[in-house]
Structures are given as C-alpha cells and as structure tokens.
PDBML (XML) file of the C-alpha atoms, coordinates in Angstrom:
<?xml version="1.0" encoding="UTF-8" ?>
<PDBx:datablock datablockName="MODEL"
   xmlns:PDBx="http://pdbml.pdb.org/schema/pdbx-v50.xsd"
   xmlns:xsi="http://www.w3.org/2001/XMLSchema-instance"
   xsi:schemaLocation="http://pdbml.pdb.org/schema/pdbx-v50.xsd pdbx-v50.xsd">
   <PDBx:atom_siteCategory>
      <PDBx:atom_site id="1">
         <PDBx:B_iso_or_equiv>0.00</PDBx:B_iso_or_equiv>
         <PDBx:Cartn_x>-6.441</PDBx:Cartn_x>
         <PDBx:Cartn_y>25.339</PDBx:Cartn_y>
         <PDBx:Cartn_z>-114.198</PDBx:Cartn_z>
         <PDBx:auth_asym_id>A</PDBx:auth_asym_id>
         <PDBx:auth_atom_id>CA</PDBx:auth_atom_id>
         <PDBx:auth_comp_id>LYS</PDBx:auth_comp_id>
         <PDBx:auth_seq_id>1</PDBx:auth_seq_id>
         <PDBx:group_PDB>ATOM</PDBx:group_PDB>
         <PDBx:label_alt_id xsi:nil="true" />
         <PDBx:label_asym_id>A</PDBx:label_asym_id>
         <PDBx:label_atom_id>CA</PDBx:label_atom_id>
         <PDBx:label_comp_id>LYS</PDBx:label_comp_id>
         <PDBx:label_entity_id>1</PDBx:label_entity_id>
         <PDBx:label_seq_id>1</PDBx:label_seq_id>
         <PDBx:occupancy>1.00</PDBx:occupancy>
         <PDBx:pdbx_PDB_model_num>1</PDBx:pdbx_PDB_model_num>
         <PDBx:type_symbol>C</PDBx:type_symbol>
      </PDBx:atom_site>
      <PDBx:atom_site id="2">
         <PDBx:B_iso_or_equiv>0.00</PDBx:B_iso_or_equiv>
         <PDBx:Cartn_x>-3.999</PDBx:Cartn_x>
         <PDBx:Cartn_y>28.116</PDBx:Cartn_y>
         <PDBx:Cartn_z>-115.067</PDBx:Cartn_z>
         <PDBx:auth_asym_id>A</PDBx:auth_asym_id>
         <PDBx:auth_atom_id>CA</PDBx:auth_atom_id>
         <PDBx:auth_comp_id>GLN</PDBx:auth_comp_id>
         <PDBx:auth_seq_id>2</PDBx:auth_seq_id>
         <PDBx:group_PDB>ATOM</PDBx:group_PDB>
         <PDBx:label_alt_id xsi:nil="true" />
         <PDBx:label_asym_id>A</PDBx:label_asym_id>
         <PDBx:label_atom_id>CA</PDBx:label_atom_id>
         <PDBx:label_comp_id>GLN</PDBx:label_comp_id>
         <PDBx:label_entity_id>1</PDBx:label_entity_id>
         <PDBx:label_seq_id>2</PDBx:label_seq_id>
         <PDBx:occupancy>1.00</PDBx:occupancy>
         <PDBx:pdbx_PDB_model_num>1</PDBx:pdbx_PDB_model_num>
         <PDBx:type_symbol>C</PDBx:type_symbol>
      </PDBx:atom_site>
      <PDBx:atom_site id="3">
         <PDBx:B_iso_or_equiv>0.00</PDBx:B_iso_or_equiv>
         <PDBx:Cartn_x>-3.551</PDBx:Cartn_x>
         <PDBx:Cartn_y>29.011</PDBx:Cartn_y>
         <PDBx:Cartn_z>-111.220</PDBx:Cartn_z>
         <PDBx:auth_asym_id>A</PDBx:auth_asym_id>
         <PDBx:auth_atom_id>CA</PDBx:auth_atom_id>
         <PDBx:auth_comp_id>GLU</PDBx:auth_comp_id>
         <PDBx:auth_seq_id>3</PDBx:auth_seq_id>
         <PDBx:group_PDB>ATOM</PDBx:group_PDB>
         <PDBx:label_alt_id xsi:nil="true" />
         <PDBx:label_asym_id>A</PDBx:label_asym_id>
         <PDBx:label_atom_id>CA</PDBx:label_atom_id>
         <PDBx:label_comp_id>GLU</PDBx:label_comp_id>
         <PDBx:label_entity_id>1</PDBx:label_entity_id>
         <PDBx:label_seq_id>3</PDBx:label_seq_id>
         <PDBx:occupancy>1.00</PDBx:occupancy>
         <PDBx:pdbx_PDB_model_num>1</PDBx:pdbx_PDB_model_num>
         <PDBx:type_symbol>C</PDBx:type_symbol>
      </PDBx:atom_site>
      <PDBx:atom_site id="4">
         <PDBx:B_iso_or_equiv>0.00</PDBx:B_iso_or_equiv>
         <PDBx:Cartn_x>-3.246</PDBx:Cartn_x>
         <PDBx:Cartn_y>25.430</PDBx:Cartn_y>
         <PDBx:Cartn_z>-110.352</PDBx:Cartn_z>
         <PDBx:auth_asym_id>A</PDBx:auth_asym_id>
         <PDBx:auth_atom_id>CA</PDBx:auth_atom_id>
         <PDBx:auth_comp_id>TYR</PDBx:auth_comp_id>
         <PDBx:auth_seq_id>4</PDBx:auth_seq_id>
         <PDBx:group_PDB>ATOM</PDBx:group_PDB>
         <PDBx:label_alt_id xsi:nil="true" />
         <PDBx:label_asym_id>A</PDBx:label_asym_id>
         <PDBx:label_atom_id>CA</PDBx:label_atom_id>
         <PDBx:label_comp_id>TYR</PDBx:label_comp_id>
         <PDBx:label_entity_id>1</PDBx:label_entity_id>
         <PDBx:label_seq_id>4</PDBx:label_seq_id>
         <PDBx:occupancy>1.00</PDBx:occupancy>
         <PDBx:pdbx_PDB_model_num>1</PDBx:pdbx_PDB_model_num>
         <PDBx:type_symbol>C</PDBx:type_symbol>
      </PDBx:atom_site>
      <PDBx:atom_site id="5">
         <PDBx:B_iso_or_equiv>0.00</PDBx:B_iso_or_equiv>
         <PDBx:Cartn_x>-0.276</PDBx:Cartn_x>
         <PDBx:Cartn_y>25.091</PDBx:Cartn_y>
         <PDBx:Cartn_z>-113.322</PDBx:Cartn_z>
         <PDBx:auth_asym_id>A</PDBx:auth_asym_id>
         <PDBx:auth_atom_id>CA</PDBx:auth_atom_id>
         <PDBx:auth_comp_id>ILE</PDBx:auth_comp_id>
         <PDBx:auth_seq_id>5</PDBx:auth_seq_id>
         <PDBx:group_PDB>ATOM</PDBx:group_PDB>
         <PDBx:label_alt_id xsi:nil="true" />
         <PDBx:label_asym_id>A</PDBx:label_asym_id>
         <PDBx:label_atom_id>CA</PDBx:label_atom_id>
         <PDBx:label_comp_id>ILE</PDBx:label_comp_id>
         <PDBx:label_entity_id>1</PDBx:label_entity_id>
         <PDBx:label_seq_id>5</PDBx:label_seq_id>
         <PDBx:occupancy>1.00</PDBx:occupancy>
         <PDBx:pdbx_PDB_model_num>1</PDBx:pdbx_PDB_model_num>
         <PDBx:type_symbol>C</PDBx:type_symbol>
      </PDBx:atom_site>
      <PDBx:atom_site id="6">
         <PDBx:B_iso_or_equiv>0.00</PDBx:B_iso_or_equiv>
         <PDBx:Cartn_x>1.021</PDBx:Cartn_x>
         <PDBx:Cartn_y>28.167</PDBx:Cartn_y>
         <PDBx:Cartn_z>-111.539</PDBx:Cartn_z>
         <PDBx:auth_asym_id>A</PDBx:auth_asym_id>
         <PDBx:auth_atom_id>CA</PDBx:auth_atom_id>
         <PDBx:auth_comp_id>LYS</PDBx:auth_comp_id>
         <PDBx:auth_seq_id>6</PDBx:auth_seq_id>
         <PDBx:group_PDB>ATOM</PDBx:group_PDB>
         <PDBx:label_alt_id xsi:nil="true" />
         <PDBx:label_asym_id>A</PDBx:label_asym_id>
         <PDBx:label_atom_id>CA</PDBx:label_atom_id>
         <PDBx:label_comp_id>LYS</PDBx:label_comp_id>
         <PDBx:label_entity_id>1</PDBx:label_entity_id>
         <PDBx:label_seq_id>6</PDBx:label_seq_id>
         <PDBx:occupancy>1.00</PDBx:occupancy>
         <PDBx:pdbx_PDB_model_num>1</PDBx:pdbx_PDB_model_num>
         <PDBx:type_symbol>C</PDBx:type_symbol>
      </PDBx:atom_site>
      <PDBx:atom_site id="7">
         <PDBx:B_iso_or_equiv>0.00</PDBx:B_iso_or_equiv>
         <PDBx:Cartn_x>1.297</PDBx:Cartn_x>
         <PDBx:Cartn_y>27.100</PDBx:Cartn_y>
         <PDBx:Cartn_z>-107.981</PDBx:Cartn_z>
         <PDBx:auth_asym_id>A</PDBx:auth_asym_id>
         <PDBx:auth_atom_id>CA</PDBx:auth_atom_id>
         <PDBx:auth_comp_id>GLU</PDBx:auth_comp_id>
         <PDBx:auth_seq_id>7</PDBx:auth_seq_id>
         <PDBx:group_PDB>ATOM</PDBx:group_PDB>
         <PDBx:label_alt_id xsi:nil="true" />
         <PDBx:label_asym_id>A</PDBx:label_asym_id>
         <PDBx:label_atom_id>CA</PDBx:label_atom_id>
         <PDBx:label_comp_id>GLU</PDBx:label_comp_id>
         <PDBx:label_entity_id>1</PDBx:label_entity_id>
         <PDBx:label_seq_id>7</PDBx:label_seq_id>
         <PDBx:occupancy>1.00</PDBx:occupancy>
         <PDBx:pdbx_PDB_model_num>1</PDBx:pdbx_PDB_model_num>
         <PDBx:type_symbol>C</PDBx:type_symbol>
      </PDBx:atom_site>
      <PDBx:atom_site id="8">
         <PDBx:B_iso_or_equiv>0.00</PDBx:B_iso_or_equiv>
         <PDBx:Cartn_x>2.333</PDBx:Cartn_x>
         <PDBx:Cartn_y>23.542</PDBx:Cartn_y>
         <PDBx:Cartn_z>-109.332</PDBx:Cartn_z>
         <PDBx:auth_asym_id>A</PDBx:auth_asym_id>
         <PDBx:auth_atom_id>CA</PDBx:auth_atom_id>
         <PDBx:auth_comp_id>LYS</PDBx:auth_comp_id>
         <PDBx:auth_seq_id>8</PDBx:auth_seq_id>
         <PDBx:group_PDB>ATOM</PDBx:group_PDB>
         <PDBx:label_alt_id xsi:nil="true" />
         <PDBx:label_asym_id>A</PDBx:label_asym_id>
         <PDBx:label_atom_id>CA</PDBx:label_atom_id>
         <PDBx:label_comp_id>LYS</PDBx:label_comp_id>
         <PDBx:label_entity_id>1</PDBx:label_entity_id>
         <PDBx:label_seq_id>8</PDBx:label_seq_id>
         <PDBx:occupancy>1.00</PDBx:occupancy>
         <PDBx:pdbx_PDB_model_num>1</PDBx:pdbx_PDB_model_num>
         <PDBx:type_symbol>C</PDBx:type_symbol>
      </PDBx:atom_site>
      <PDBx:atom_site id="9">
         <PDBx:B_iso_or_equiv>0.00</PDBx:B_iso_or_equiv>
         <PDBx:Cartn_x>5.274</PDBx:Cartn_x>
         <PDBx:Cartn_y>25.114</PDBx:Cartn_y>
         <PDBx:Cartn_z>-111.154</PDBx:Cartn_z>
         <PDBx:auth_asym_id>A</PDBx:auth_asym_id>
         <PDBx:auth_atom_id>CA</PDBx:auth_atom_id>
         <PDBx:auth_comp_id>LEU</PDBx:auth_comp_id>
         <PDBx:auth_seq_id>9</PDBx:auth_seq_id>
         <PDBx:group_PDB>ATOM</PDBx:group_PDB>
         <PDBx:label_alt_id xsi:nil="true" />
         <PDBx:label_asym_id>A</PDBx:label_asym_id>
         <PDBx:label_atom_id>CA</PDBx:label_atom_id>
         <PDBx:label_comp_id>LEU</PDBx:label_comp_id>
         <PDBx:label_entity_id>1</PDBx:label_entity_id>
         <PDBx:label_seq_id>9</PDBx:label_seq_id>
         <PDBx:occupancy>1.00</PDBx:occupancy>
         <PDBx:pdbx_PDB_model_num>1</PDBx:pdbx_PDB_model_num>
         <PDBx:type_symbol>C</PDBx:type_symbol>
      </PDBx:atom_site>
      <PDBx:atom_site id="10">
         <PDBx:B_iso_or_equiv>0.00</PDBx:B_iso_or_equiv>
         <PDBx:Cartn_x>6.416</PDBx:Cartn_x>
         <PDBx:Cartn_y>27.346</PDBx:Cartn_y>
         <PDBx:Cartn_z>-108.278</PDBx:Cartn_z>
         <PDBx:auth_asym_id>A</PDBx:auth_asym_id>
         <PDBx:auth_atom_id>CA</PDBx:auth_atom_id>
         <PDBx:auth_comp_id>GLU</PDBx:auth_comp_id>
         <PDBx:auth_seq_id>10</PDBx:auth_seq_id>
         <PDBx:group_PDB>ATOM</PDBx:group_PDB>
         <PDBx:label_alt_id xsi:nil="true" />
         <PDBx:label_asym_id>A</PDBx:label_asym_id>
         <PDBx:label_atom_id>CA</PDBx:label_atom_id>
         <PDBx:label_comp_id>GLU</PDBx:label_comp_id>
         <PDBx:label_entity_id>1</PDBx:label_entity_id>
         <PDBx:label_seq_id>10</PDBx:label_seq_id>
         <PDBx:occupancy>1.00</PDBx:occupancy>
         <PDBx:pdbx_PDB_model_num>1</PDBx:pdbx_PDB_model_num>
         <PDBx:type_symbol>C</PDBx:type_symbol>
      </PDBx:atom_site>
      <PDBx:atom_site id="11">
         <PDBx:B_iso_or_equiv>0.00</PDBx:B_iso_or_equiv>
         <PDBx:Cartn_x>6.320</PDBx:Cartn_x>
         <PDBx:Cartn_y>24.335</PDBx:Cartn_y>
         <PDBx:Cartn_z>-105.924</PDBx:Cartn_z>
         <PDBx:auth_asym_id>A</PDBx:auth_asym_id>
         <PDBx:auth_atom_id>CA</PDBx:auth_atom_id>
         <PDBx:auth_comp_id>PHE</PDBx:auth_comp_id>
         <PDBx:auth_seq_id>11</PDBx:auth_seq_id>
         <PDBx:group_PDB>ATOM</PDBx:group_PDB>
         <PDBx:label_alt_id xsi:nil="true" />
         <PDBx:label_asym_id>A</PDBx:label_asym_id>
         <PDBx:label_atom_id>CA</PDBx:label_atom_id>
         <PDBx:label_comp_id>PHE</PDBx:label_comp_id>
         <PDBx:label_entity_id>1</PDBx:label_entity_id>
         <PDBx:label_seq_id>11</PDBx:label_seq_id>
         <PDBx:occupancy>1.00</PDBx:occupancy>
         <PDBx:pdbx_PDB_model_num>1</PDBx:pdbx_PDB_model_num>
         <PDBx:type_symbol>C</PDBx:type_symbol>
      </PDBx:atom_site>
      <PDBx:atom_site id="12">
         <PDBx:B_iso_or_equiv>0.00</PDBx:B_iso_or_equiv>
         <PDBx:Cartn_x>8.649</PDBx:Cartn_x>
         <PDBx:Cartn_y>22.512</PDBx:Cartn_y>
         <PDBx:Cartn_z>-108.347</PDBx:Cartn_z>
         <PDBx:auth_asym_id>A</PDBx:auth_asym_id>
         <PDBx:auth_atom_id>CA</PDBx:auth_atom_id>
         <PDBx:auth_comp_id>GLN</PDBx:auth_comp_id>
         <PDBx:auth_seq_id>12</PDBx:auth_seq_id>
         <PDBx:group_PDB>ATOM</PDBx:group_PDB>
         <PDBx:label_alt_id xsi:nil="true" />
         <PDBx:label_asym_id>A</PDBx:label_asym_id>
         <PDBx:label_atom_id>CA</PDBx:label_atom_id>
         <PDBx:label_comp_id>GLN</PDBx:label_comp_id>
         <PDBx:label_entity_id>1</PDBx:label_entity_id>
         <PDBx:label_seq_id>12</PDBx:label_seq_id>
         <PDBx:occupancy>1.00</PDBx:occupancy>
         <PDBx:pdbx_PDB_model_num>1</PDBx:pdbx_PDB_model_num>
         <PDBx:type_symbol>C</PDBx:type_symbol>
      </PDBx:atom_site>
      <PDBx:atom_site id="13">
         <PDBx:B_iso_or_equiv>0.00</PDBx:B_iso_or_equiv>
         <PDBx:Cartn_x>10.850</PDBx:Cartn_x>
         <PDBx:Cartn_y>25.463</PDBx:Cartn_y>
         <PDBx:Cartn_z>-108.501</PDBx:Cartn_z>
         <PDBx:auth_asym_id>A</PDBx:auth_asym_id>
         <PDBx:auth_atom_id>CA</PDBx:auth_atom_id>
         <PDBx:auth_comp_id>ARG</PDBx:auth_comp_id>
         <PDBx:auth_seq_id>13</PDBx:auth_seq_id>
         <PDBx:group_PDB>ATOM</PDBx:group_PDB>
         <PDBx:label_alt_id xsi:nil="true" />
         <PDBx:label_asym_id>A</PDBx:label_asym_id>
         <PDBx:label_atom_id>CA</PDBx:label_atom_id>
         <PDBx:label_comp_id>ARG</PDBx:label_comp_id>
         <PDBx:label_entity_id>1</PDBx:label_entity_id>
         <PDBx:label_seq_id>13</PDBx:label_seq_id>
         <PDBx:occupancy>1.00</PDBx:occupancy>
         <PDBx:pdbx_PDB_model_num>1</PDBx:pdbx_PDB_model_num>
         <PDBx:type_symbol>C</PDBx:type_symbol>
      </PDBx:atom_site>
      <PDBx:atom_site id="14">
         <PDBx:B_iso_or_equiv>0.00</PDBx:B_iso_or_equiv>
         <PDBx:Cartn_x>10.746</PDBx:Cartn_x>
         <PDBx:Cartn_y>26.116</PDBx:Cartn_y>
         <PDBx:Cartn_z>-104.739</PDBx:Cartn_z>
         <PDBx:auth_asym_id>A</PDBx:auth_asym_id>
         <PDBx:auth_atom_id>CA</PDBx:auth_atom_id>
         <PDBx:auth_comp_id>THR</PDBx:auth_comp_id>
         <PDBx:auth_seq_id>14</PDBx:auth_seq_id>
         <PDBx:group_PDB>ATOM</PDBx:group_PDB>
         <PDBx:label_alt_id xsi:nil="true" />
         <PDBx:label_asym_id>A</PDBx:label_asym_id>
         <PDBx:label_atom_id>CA</PDBx:label_atom_id>
         <PDBx:label_comp_id>THR</PDBx:label_comp_id>
         <PDBx:label_entity_id>1</PDBx:label_entity_id>
         <PDBx:label_seq_id>14</PDBx:label_seq_id>
         <PDBx:occupancy>1.00</PDBx:occupancy>
         <PDBx:pdbx_PDB_model_num>1</PDBx:pdbx_PDB_model_num>
         <PDBx:type_symbol>C</PDBx:type_symbol>
      </PDBx:atom_site>
      <PDBx:atom_site id="15">
         <PDBx:B_iso_or_equiv>0.00</PDBx:B_iso_or_equiv>
         <PDBx:Cartn_x>9.768</PDBx:Cartn_x>
         <PDBx:Cartn_y>22.980</PDBx:Cartn_y>
         <PDBx:Cartn_z>-102.948</PDBx:Cartn_z>
         <PDBx:auth_asym_id>A</PDBx:auth_asym_id>
         <PDBx:auth_atom_id>CA</PDBx:auth_atom_id>
         <PDBx:auth_comp_id>GLY</PDBx:auth_comp_id>
         <PDBx:auth_seq_id>15</PDBx:auth_seq_id>
         <PDBx:group_PDB>ATOM</PDBx:group_PDB>
         <PDBx:label_alt_id xsi:nil="true" />
         <PDBx:label_asym_id>A</PDBx:label_asym_id>
         <PDBx:label_atom_id>CA</PDBx:label_atom_id>
         <PDBx:label_comp_id>GLY</PDBx:label_comp_id>
         <PDBx:label_entity_id>1</PDBx:label_entity_id>
         <PDBx:label_seq_id>15</PDBx:label_seq_id>
         <PDBx:occupancy>1.00</PDBx:occupancy>
         <PDBx:pdbx_PDB_model_num>1</PDBx:pdbx_PDB_model_num>
         <PDBx:type_symbol>C</PDBx:type_symbol>
      </PDBx:atom_site>
      <PDBx:atom_site id="16">
         <PDBx:B_iso_or_equiv>0.00</PDBx:B_iso_or_equiv>
         <PDBx:Cartn_x>7.382</PDBx:Cartn_x>
         <PDBx:Cartn_y>25.000</PDBx:Cartn_y>
         <PDBx:Cartn_z>-100.707</PDBx:Cartn_z>
         <PDBx:auth_asym_id>A</PDBx:auth_asym_id>
         <PDBx:auth_atom_id>CA</PDBx:auth_atom_id>
         <PDBx:auth_comp_id>ILE</PDBx:auth_comp_id>
         <PDBx:auth_seq_id>16</PDBx:auth_seq_id>
         <PDBx:group_PDB>ATOM</PDBx:group_PDB>
         <PDBx:label_alt_id xsi:nil="true" />
         <PDBx:label_asym_id>A</PDBx:label_asym_id>
         <PDBx:label_atom_id>CA</PDBx:label_atom_id>
         <PDBx:label_comp_id>ILE</PDBx:label_comp_id>
         <PDBx:label_entity_id>1</PDBx:label_entity_id>
         <PDBx:label_seq_id>16</PDBx:label_seq_id>
         <PDBx:occupancy>1.00</PDBx:occupancy>
         <PDBx:pdbx_PDB_model_num>1</PDBx:pdbx_PDB_model_num>
         <PDBx:type_symbol>C</PDBx:type_symbol>
      </PDBx:atom_site>
      <PDBx:atom_site id="17">
         <PDBx:B_iso_or_equiv>0.00</PDBx:B_iso_or_equiv>
         <PDBx:Cartn_x>3.482</PDBx:Cartn_x>
         <PDBx:Cartn_y>24.712</PDBx:Cartn_y>
         <PDBx:Cartn_z>-101.317</PDBx:Cartn_z>
         <PDBx:auth_asym_id>A</PDBx:auth_asym_id>
         <PDBx:auth_atom_id>CA</PDBx:auth_atom_id>
         <PDBx:auth_comp_id>ALA</PDBx:auth_comp_id>
         <PDBx:auth_seq_id>17</PDBx:auth_seq_id>
         <PDBx:group_PDB>ATOM</PDBx:group_PDB>
         <PDBx:label_alt_id xsi:nil="true" />
         <PDBx:label_asym_id>A</PDBx:label_asym_id>
         <PDBx:label_atom_id>CA</PDBx:label_atom_id>
         <PDBx:label_comp_id>ALA</PDBx:label_comp_id>
         <PDBx:label_entity_id>1</PDBx:label_entity_id>
         <PDBx:label_seq_id>17</PDBx:label_seq_id>
         <PDBx:occupancy>1.00</PDBx:occupancy>
         <PDBx:pdbx_PDB_model_num>1</PDBx:pdbx_PDB_model_num>
         <PDBx:type_symbol>C</PDBx:type_symbol>
      </PDBx:atom_site>
      <PDBx:atom_site id="18">
         <PDBx:B_iso_or_equiv>0.00</PDBx:B_iso_or_equiv>
         <PDBx:Cartn_x>1.549</PDBx:Cartn_x>
         <PDBx:Cartn_y>27.606</PDBx:Cartn_y>
         <PDBx:Cartn_z>-101.763</PDBx:Cartn_z>
         <PDBx:auth_asym_id>A</PDBx:auth_asym_id>
         <PDBx:auth_atom_id>CA</PDBx:auth_atom_id>
         <PDBx:auth_comp_id>THR</PDBx:auth_comp_id>
         <PDBx:auth_seq_id>18</PDBx:auth_seq_id>
         <PDBx:group_PDB>ATOM</PDBx:group_PDB>
         <PDBx:label_alt_id xsi:nil="true" />
         <PDBx:label_asym_id>A</PDBx:label_asym_id>
         <PDBx:label_atom_id>CA</PDBx:label_atom_id>
         <PDBx:label_comp_id>THR</PDBx:label_comp_id>
         <PDBx:label_entity_id>1</PDBx:label_entity_id>
         <PDBx:label_seq_id>18</PDBx:label_seq_id>
         <PDBx:occupancy>1.00</PDBx:occupancy>
         <PDBx:pdbx_PDB_model_num>1</PDBx:pdbx_PDB_model_num>
         <PDBx:type_symbol>C</PDBx:type_symbol>
      </PDBx:atom_site>
      <PDBx:atom_site id="19">
         <PDBx:B_iso_or_equiv>0.00</PDBx:B_iso_or_equiv>
         <PDBx:Cartn_x>-0.225</PDBx:Cartn_x>
         <PDBx:Cartn_y>27.271</PDBx:Cartn_y>
         <PDBx:Cartn_z>-98.184</PDBx:Cartn_z>
         <PDBx:auth_asym_id>A</PDBx:auth_asym_id>
         <PDBx:auth_atom_id>CA</PDBx:auth_atom_id>
         <PDBx:auth_comp_id>LYS</PDBx:auth_comp_id>
         <PDBx:auth_seq_id>19</PDBx:auth_seq_id>
         <PDBx:group_PDB>ATOM</PDBx:group_PDB>
         <PDBx:label_alt_id xsi:nil="true" />
         <PDBx:label_asym_id>A</PDBx:label_asym_id>
         <PDBx:label_atom_id>CA</PDBx:label_atom_id>
         <PDBx:label_comp_id>LYS</PDBx:label_comp_id>
         <PDBx:label_entity_id>1</PDBx:label_entity_id>
         <PDBx:label_seq_id>19</PDBx:label_seq_id>
         <PDBx:occupancy>1.00</PDBx:occupancy>
         <PDBx:pdbx_PDB_model_num>1</PDBx:pdbx_PDB_model_num>
         <PDBx:type_symbol>C</PDBx:type_symbol>
      </PDBx:atom_site>
      <PDBx:atom_site id="20">
         <PDBx:B_iso_or_equiv>0.00</PDBx:B_iso_or_equiv>
         <PDBx:Cartn_x>3.328</PDBx:Cartn_x>
         <PDBx:Cartn_y>27.082</PDBx:Cartn_y>
         <PDBx:Cartn_z>-96.726</PDBx:Cartn_z>
         <PDBx:auth_asym_id>A</PDBx:auth_asym_id>
         <PDBx:auth_atom_id>CA</PDBx:auth_atom_id>
         <PDBx:auth_comp_id>ASN</PDBx:auth_comp_id>
         <PDBx:auth_seq_id>20</PDBx:auth_seq_id>
         <PDBx:group_PDB>ATOM</PDBx:group_PDB>
         <PDBx:label_alt_id xsi:nil="true" />
         <PDBx:label_asym_id>A</PDBx:label_asym_id>
         <PDBx:label_atom_id>CA</PDBx:label_atom_id>
         <PDBx:label_comp_id>ASN</PDBx:label_comp_id>
         <PDBx:label_entity_id>1</PDBx:label_entity_id>
         <PDBx:label_seq_id>20</PDBx:label_seq_id>
         <PDBx:occupancy>1.00</PDBx:occupancy>
         <PDBx:pdbx_PDB_model_num>1</PDBx:pdbx_PDB_model_num>
         <PDBx:type_symbol>C</PDBx:type_symbol>
      </PDBx:atom_site>
      <PDBx:atom_site id="21">
         <PDBx:B_iso_or_equiv>0.00</PDBx:B_iso_or_equiv>
         <PDBx:Cartn_x>4.710</PDBx:Cartn_x>
         <PDBx:Cartn_y>29.833</PDBx:Cartn_y>
         <PDBx:Cartn_z>-98.573</PDBx:Cartn_z>
         <PDBx:auth_asym_id>A</PDBx:auth_asym_id>
         <PDBx:auth_atom_id>CA</PDBx:auth_atom_id>
         <PDBx:auth_comp_id>ARG</PDBx:auth_comp_id>
         <PDBx:auth_seq_id>21</PDBx:auth_seq_id>
         <PDBx:group_PDB>ATOM</PDBx:group_PDB>
         <PDBx:label_alt_id xsi:nil="true" />
         <PDBx:label_asym_id>A</PDBx:label_asym_id>
         <PDBx:label_atom_id>CA</PDBx:label_atom_id>
         <PDBx:label_comp_id>ARG</PDBx:label_comp_id>
         <PDBx:label_entity_id>1</PDBx:label_entity_id>
         <PDBx:label_seq_id>21</PDBx:label_seq_id>
         <PDBx:occupancy>1.00</PDBx:occupancy>
         <PDBx:pdbx_PDB_model_num>1</PDBx:pdbx_PDB_model_num>
         <PDBx:type_symbol>C</PDBx:type_symbol>
      </PDBx:atom_site>
      <PDBx:atom_site id="22">
         <PDBx:B_iso_or_equiv>0.00</PDBx:B_iso_or_equiv>
         <PDBx:Cartn_x>2.735</PDBx:Cartn_x>
         <PDBx:Cartn_y>32.487</PDBx:Cartn_y>
         <PDBx:Cartn_z>-96.779</PDBx:Cartn_z>
         <PDBx:auth_asym_id>A</PDBx:auth_asym_id>
         <PDBx:auth_atom_id>CA</PDBx:auth_atom_id>
         <PDBx:auth_comp_id>THR</PDBx:auth_comp_id>
         <PDBx:auth_seq_id>22</PDBx:auth_seq_id>
         <PDBx:group_PDB>ATOM</PDBx:group_PDB>
         <PDBx:label_alt_id xsi:nil="true" />
         <PDBx:label_asym_id>A</PDBx:label_asym_id>
         <PDBx:label_atom_id>CA</PDBx:label_atom_id>
         <PDBx:label_comp_id>THR</PDBx:label_comp_id>
         <PDBx:label_entity_id>1</PDBx:label_entity_id>
         <PDBx:label_seq_id>22</PDBx:label_seq_id>
         <PDBx:occupancy>1.00</PDBx:occupancy>
         <PDBx:pdbx_PDB_model_num>1</PDBx:pdbx_PDB_model_num>
         <PDBx:type_symbol>C</PDBx:type_symbol>
      </PDBx:atom_site>
      <PDBx:atom_site id="23">
         <PDBx:B_iso_or_equiv>0.00</PDBx:B_iso_or_equiv>
         <PDBx:Cartn_x>4.237</PDBx:Cartn_x>
         <PDBx:Cartn_y>31.770</PDBx:Cartn_y>
         <PDBx:Cartn_z>-93.655</PDBx:Cartn_z>
         <PDBx:auth_asym_id>A</PDBx:auth_asym_id>
         <PDBx:auth_atom_id>CA</PDBx:auth_atom_id>
         <PDBx:auth_comp_id>GLN</PDBx:auth_comp_id>
         <PDBx:auth_seq_id>23</PDBx:auth_seq_id>
         <PDBx:group_PDB>ATOM</PDBx:group_PDB>
         <PDBx:label_alt_id xsi:nil="true" />
         <PDBx:label_asym_id>A</PDBx:label_asym_id>
         <PDBx:label_atom_id>CA</PDBx:label_atom_id>
         <PDBx:label_comp_id>GLN</PDBx:label_comp_id>
         <PDBx:label_entity_id>1</PDBx:label_entity_id>
         <PDBx:label_seq_id>23</PDBx:label_seq_id>
         <PDBx:occupancy>1.00</PDBx:occupancy>
         <PDBx:pdbx_PDB_model_num>1</PDBx:pdbx_PDB_model_num>
         <PDBx:type_symbol>C</PDBx:type_symbol>
      </PDBx:atom_site>
      <PDBx:atom_site id="24">
         <PDBx:B_iso_or_equiv>0.00</PDBx:B_iso_or_equiv>
         <PDBx:Cartn_x>6.343</PDBx:Cartn_x>
         <PDBx:Cartn_y>34.586</PDBx:Cartn_y>
         <PDBx:Cartn_z>-91.655</PDBx:Cartn_z>
         <PDBx:auth_asym_id>A</PDBx:auth_asym_id>
         <PDBx:auth_atom_id>CA</PDBx:auth_atom_id>
         <PDBx:auth_comp_id>LYS</PDBx:auth_comp_id>
         <PDBx:auth_seq_id>24</PDBx:auth_seq_id>
         <PDBx:group_PDB>ATOM</PDBx:group_PDB>
         <PDBx:label_alt_id xsi:nil="true" />
         <PDBx:label_asym_id>A</PDBx:label_asym_id>
         <PDBx:label_atom_id>CA</PDBx:label_atom_id>
         <PDBx:label_comp_id>LYS</PDBx:label_comp_id>
         <PDBx:label_entity_id>1</PDBx:label_entity_id>
         <PDBx:label_seq_id>24</PDBx:label_seq_id>
         <PDBx:occupancy>1.00</PDBx:occupancy>
         <PDBx:pdbx_PDB_model_num>1</PDBx:pdbx_PDB_model_num>
         <PDBx:type_symbol>C</PDBx:type_symbol>
      </PDBx:atom_site>
   </PDBx:atom_siteCategory>
</PDBx:datablock>
C-alpha cells in the first residue's frame, strides 16, 4: 500500500507512470 501511494504521488507530481519512468 505504501509503495502504491508513493507511486501514485510520484505520478501526480510528474505525470509519468512508474513503468514508463525508467525509459531512457
């Protein structure tokens, strides 16, 4: 749950989904 919340907040901040964030 905490990891999900962290990812959700990061998405809200950046607009980039976690799975897309690691792209070069």
